[in-house]
Amino acid sequence: MIPDTLEYAFHLDLSEKINKHEDLKDKNLKETFEYMRELRNSISHGNKVSIGFQKAIDLQGFFRHLSVKFDKHLVNHFFITEKLFNKD
């Protein structure tokens, strides 16, 4: 749902592959988001989930990368920015 909104409403490209962990390296941004959603749902339903430290770090980096990418995309394509100069 959220990746679809990012792709179709904001035209954000989610085909980039940034993951370094062996289990995640073939997943693009959209697939990684869906993986995280399924992982969260599994935990919230009381299922036991095991994630190693390196995989957790990679997933945290994914969220950081996605949020920065979305922020830059919004600023570049949807906001009007003005440069202010000192008029001394």
N, C-alpha and C. Protein backbone atom coordinates (compact mmCIF):
# COMPACT_ATOMS: atom_id res chain seq x y z
N MET A 1 0.82 -1.19 0.00
CA MET A 1 0.00 0.00 0.00
C MET A 1 0.87 1.26 0.00
N ILE A 2 1.77 1.40 0.96
CA ILE A 2 2.63 2.58 1.01
C ILE A 2 3.57 2.63 -0.20
N PRO A 3 4.24 1.52 -0.57
CA PRO A 3 5.08 1.59 -1.76
C PRO A 3 4.29 1.95 -3.03
N ASP A 4 3.07 1.45 -3.14
CA ASP A 4 2.25 1.81 -4.30
C ASP A 4 1.94 3.30 -4.32
N THR A 5 1.65 3.87 -3.16
CA THR A 5 1.40 5.31 -3.07
C THR A 5 2.64 6.09 -3.46
N LEU A 6 3.80 5.66 -2.98
CA LEU A 6 5.03 6.34 -3.34
C LEU A 6 5.30 6.27 -4.84
N GLU A 7 5.03 5.11 -5.43
CA GLU A 7 5.27 4.94 -6.87
C GLU A 7 4.25 5.66 -7.74
N TYR A 8 2.97 5.47 -7.44
CA TYR A 8 1.94 5.96 -8.35
C TYR A 8 1.46 7.37 -8.06
N ALA A 9 1.46 7.79 -6.81
CA ALA A 9 1.02 9.15 -6.48
C ALA A 9 2.16 10.15 -6.58
N PHE A 10 3.36 9.72 -6.15
CA PHE A 10 4.49 10.65 -6.14
C PHE A 10 5.53 10.35 -7.21
N HIS A 11 5.33 9.29 -7.99
CA HIS A 11 6.25 8.89 -9.07
C HIS A 11 7.68 8.69 -8.58
N LEU A 12 7.82 8.05 -7.43
CA LEU A 12 9.13 7.75 -6.87
C LEU A 12 9.59 6.39 -7.39
N ASP A 13 10.80 6.34 -7.91
CA ASP A 13 11.36 5.09 -8.43
C ASP A 13 11.83 4.21 -7.28
N LEU A 14 11.24 3.04 -7.15
CA LEU A 14 11.59 2.11 -6.08
C LEU A 14 12.32 0.86 -6.60
N SER A 15 12.88 0.95 -7.78
CA SER A 15 13.54 -0.21 -8.37
C SER A 15 15.01 -0.34 -7.95
N GLU A 16 15.51 0.61 -7.22
CA GLU A 16 16.91 0.61 -6.78
C GLU A 16 17.17 -0.52 -5.77
N LYS A 17 18.33 -1.15 -5.88
CA LYS A 17 18.74 -2.21 -4.96
C LYS A 17 19.93 -1.70 -4.15
N ILE A 18 19.73 -1.54 -2.83
CA ILE A 18 20.79 -0.98 -1.98
C ILE A 18 21.22 -1.93 -0.87
N ASN A 19 20.51 -3.03 -0.69
CA ASN A 19 20.77 -3.92 0.43
C ASN A 19 22.09 -4.66 0.29
N LYS A 20 22.77 -4.83 1.41
CA LYS A 20 24.06 -5.52 1.42
C LYS A 20 23.97 -6.93 2.00
N HIS A 21 22.99 -7.16 2.86
CA HIS A 21 22.86 -8.48 3.51
C HIS A 21 22.51 -9.53 2.47
N GLU A 22 23.08 -10.70 2.63
CA GLU A 22 22.89 -11.80 1.68
C GLU A 22 21.42 -12.11 1.42
N ASP A 23 20.58 -12.09 2.45
CA ASP A 23 19.16 -12.40 2.29
C ASP A 23 18.38 -11.30 1.59
N LEU A 24 18.93 -10.09 1.55
CA LEU A 24 18.19 -8.94 1.04
C LEU A 24 18.76 -8.33 -0.23
N LYS A 25 19.96 -8.72 -0.62
CA LYS A 25 20.65 -8.00 -1.70
C LYS A 25 19.94 -8.05 -3.05
N ASP A 26 19.08 -9.03 -3.28
CA ASP A 26 18.35 -9.11 -4.55
C ASP A 26 17.02 -8.37 -4.52
N LYS A 27 16.69 -7.77 -3.38
CA LYS A 27 15.40 -7.07 -3.24
C LYS A 27 15.58 -5.59 -3.55
N ASN A 28 14.64 -5.04 -4.33
CA ASN A 28 14.65 -3.59 -4.56
C ASN A 28 13.95 -2.90 -3.39
N LEU A 29 13.82 -1.58 -3.46
CA LEU A 29 13.24 -0.83 -2.34
C LEU A 29 11.80 -1.26 -2.03
N LYS A 30 11.02 -1.50 -3.07
CA LYS A 30 9.63 -1.91 -2.86
C LYS A 30 9.56 -3.29 -2.20
N GLU A 31 10.36 -4.22 -2.69
CA GLU A 31 10.37 -5.58 -2.14
C GLU A 31 10.90 -5.59 -0.70
N THR A 32 11.88 -4.74 -0.42
CA THR A 32 12.40 -4.66 0.95
C THR A 32 11.35 -4.09 1.88
N PHE A 33 10.60 -3.09 1.43
CA PHE A 33 9.53 -2.54 2.24
C PHE A 33 8.48 -3.60 2.54
N GLU A 34 8.11 -4.36 1.53
CA GLU A 34 7.13 -5.44 1.72
C GLU A 34 7.67 -6.51 2.67
N TYR A 35 8.95 -6.82 2.57
CA TYR A 35 9.57 -7.77 3.50
C TYR A 35 9.46 -7.26 4.93
N MET A 36 9.75 -5.98 5.14
CA MET A 36 9.66 -5.39 6.47
C MET A 36 8.22 -5.40 6.99
N ARG A 37 7.27 -5.15 6.12
CA ARG A 37 5.86 -5.17 6.52
C ARG A 37 5.45 -6.57 6.96
N GLU A 38 5.86 -7.58 6.18
CA GLU A 38 5.54 -8.97 6.55
C GLU A 38 6.22 -9.35 7.86
N LEU A 39 7.44 -8.91 8.06
CA LEU A 39 8.17 -9.18 9.29
C LEU A 39 7.46 -8.54 10.49
N ARG A 40 7.05 -7.30 10.33
CA ARG A 40 6.32 -6.60 11.40
C ARG A 40 5.00 -7.30 11.70
N ASN A 41 4.29 -7.70 10.67
CA ASN A 41 3.01 -8.39 10.87
C ASN A 41 3.22 -9.72 11.59
N SER A 42 4.27 -10.43 11.23
CA SER A 42 4.56 -11.70 11.88
C SER A 42 4.84 -11.50 13.37
N ILE A 43 5.61 -10.49 13.70
CA ILE A 43 5.91 -10.18 15.10
C ILE A 43 4.65 -9.77 15.84
N SER A 44 3.81 -8.93 15.21
CA SER A 44 2.61 -8.45 15.88
C SER A 44 1.58 -9.56 16.12
N HIS A 45 1.66 -10.63 15.33
CA HIS A 45 0.77 -11.78 15.53
C HIS A 45 1.35 -12.81 16.48
N GLY A 46 2.48 -12.47 17.10
CA GLY A 46 3.05 -13.33 18.13
C GLY A 46 3.97 -14.41 17.62
N ASN A 47 4.35 -14.37 16.36
CA ASN A 47 5.26 -15.38 15.83
C ASN A 47 6.70 -15.05 16.22
N LYS A 48 7.48 -16.07 16.43
CA LYS A 48 8.88 -15.89 16.78
C LYS A 48 9.67 -15.58 15.51
N VAL A 49 10.45 -14.50 15.57
CA VAL A 49 11.23 -14.06 14.42
C VAL A 49 12.68 -13.88 14.85
N SER A 50 13.59 -14.37 14.05
CA SER A 50 15.00 -14.22 14.35
C SER A 50 15.67 -13.38 13.27
N ILE A 51 16.26 -12.27 13.70
CA ILE A 51 16.97 -11.39 12.78
C ILE A 51 18.37 -11.17 13.36
N GLY A 52 19.37 -11.38 12.56
CA GLY A 52 20.73 -11.14 13.01
C GLY A 52 21.03 -9.65 13.05
N PHE A 53 22.11 -9.32 13.74
CA PHE A 53 22.50 -7.92 13.90
C PHE A 53 22.78 -7.25 12.56
N GLN A 54 23.53 -7.91 11.69
CA GLN A 54 23.87 -7.31 10.39
C GLN A 54 22.62 -7.08 9.53
N LYS A 55 21.68 -7.99 9.60
CA LYS A 55 20.44 -7.82 8.83
C LYS A 55 19.63 -6.65 9.39
N ALA A 56 19.60 -6.53 10.71
CA ALA A 56 18.90 -5.41 11.34
C ALA A 56 19.53 -4.08 10.95
N ILE A 57 20.84 -4.03 10.91
CA ILE A 57 21.55 -2.81 10.50
C ILE A 57 21.23 -2.48 9.05
N ASP A 58 21.22 -3.49 8.19
CA ASP A 58 20.90 -3.28 6.78
C ASP A 58 19.47 -2.76 6.61
N LEU A 59 18.53 -3.31 7.36
CA LEU A 59 17.14 -2.87 7.27
C LEU A 59 16.98 -1.45 7.79
N GLN A 60 17.71 -1.10 8.83
CA GLN A 60 17.69 0.28 9.35
C GLN A 60 18.25 1.23 8.29
N GLY A 61 19.31 0.83 7.63
CA GLY A 61 19.88 1.64 6.55
C GLY A 61 18.90 1.81 5.39
N PHE A 62 18.14 0.76 5.13
CA PHE A 62 17.11 0.84 4.09
C PHE A 62 16.10 1.94 4.40
N PHE A 63 15.60 1.97 5.64
CA PHE A 63 14.63 3.00 6.01
C PHE A 63 15.23 4.40 5.91
N ARG A 64 16.46 4.54 6.33
CA ARG A 64 17.14 5.84 6.22
C ARG A 64 17.25 6.25 4.75
N HIS A 65 17.70 5.33 3.90
CA HIS A 65 17.85 5.63 2.48
C HIS A 65 16.50 6.00 1.84
N LEU A 66 15.47 5.23 2.14
CA LEU A 66 14.15 5.49 1.57
C LEU A 66 13.61 6.85 2.02
N SER A 67 13.77 7.19 3.29
CA SER A 67 13.25 8.46 3.78
C SER A 67 14.00 9.64 3.18
N VAL A 68 15.32 9.54 3.03
CA VAL A 68 16.09 10.62 2.41
C VAL A 68 15.72 10.75 0.93
N LYS A 69 15.59 9.62 0.26
CA LYS A 69 15.21 9.64 -1.16
C LYS A 69 13.84 10.29 -1.36
N PHE A 70 12.89 9.93 -0.52
CA PHE A 70 11.54 10.51 -0.63
C PHE A 70 11.57 12.00 -0.32
N ASP A 71 12.30 12.39 0.69
CA ASP A 71 12.41 13.81 1.05
C ASP A 71 13.00 14.61 -0.11
N LYS A 72 14.09 14.15 -0.69
CA LYS A 72 14.71 14.85 -1.82
C LYS A 72 13.76 14.91 -3.02
N HIS A 73 13.05 13.81 -3.25
CA HIS A 73 12.11 13.76 -4.37
C HIS A 73 10.99 14.80 -4.19
N LEU A 74 10.45 14.90 -2.98
CA LEU A 74 9.41 15.89 -2.72
C LEU A 74 9.92 17.31 -2.90
N VAL A 75 11.09 17.59 -2.37
CA VAL A 75 11.66 18.93 -2.49
C VAL A 75 11.93 19.28 -3.95
N ASN A 76 12.47 18.34 -4.71
CA ASN A 76 12.80 18.62 -6.11
C ASN A 76 11.60 18.71 -7.04
N HIS A 77 10.52 17.99 -6.73
CA HIS A 77 9.41 17.90 -7.68
C HIS A 77 8.09 18.52 -7.23
N PHE A 78 7.93 18.77 -5.94
CA PHE A 78 6.63 19.21 -5.48
C PHE A 78 6.64 20.51 -4.69
N PHE A 79 7.77 20.93 -4.21
CA PHE A 79 7.84 22.16 -3.41
C PHE A 79 8.49 23.27 -4.21
N ILE A 80 8.05 24.47 -3.97
CA ILE A 80 8.67 25.63 -4.57
C ILE A 80 9.72 26.13 -3.58
N THR A 81 10.95 26.17 -4.03
CA THR A 81 12.01 26.64 -3.16
C THR A 81 12.54 27.97 -3.70
N GLU A 82 12.79 28.87 -2.82
CA GLU A 82 13.33 30.17 -3.20
C GLU A 82 14.68 30.37 -2.54
N LYS A 83 15.59 30.91 -3.30
CA LYS A 83 16.90 31.22 -2.76
C LYS A 83 16.87 32.65 -2.27
N LEU A 84 17.27 32.82 -1.04
CA LEU A 84 17.29 34.14 -0.45
C LEU A 84 18.72 34.66 -0.45
N PHE A 85 18.87 35.90 -0.88
CA PHE A 85 20.16 36.53 -0.90
C PHE A 85 20.15 37.75 -0.02
N ASN A 86 21.29 38.02 0.58
CA ASN A 86 21.43 39.26 1.35
C ASN A 86 21.46 40.42 0.37
N LYS A 87 20.70 41.42 0.64
CA LYS A 87 20.65 42.59 -0.25
C LYS A 87 21.31 43.78 0.44
N ASP A 88 22.55 43.57 0.87
CA ASP A 88 23.28 44.65 1.55
C ASP A 88 23.80 45.67 0.57
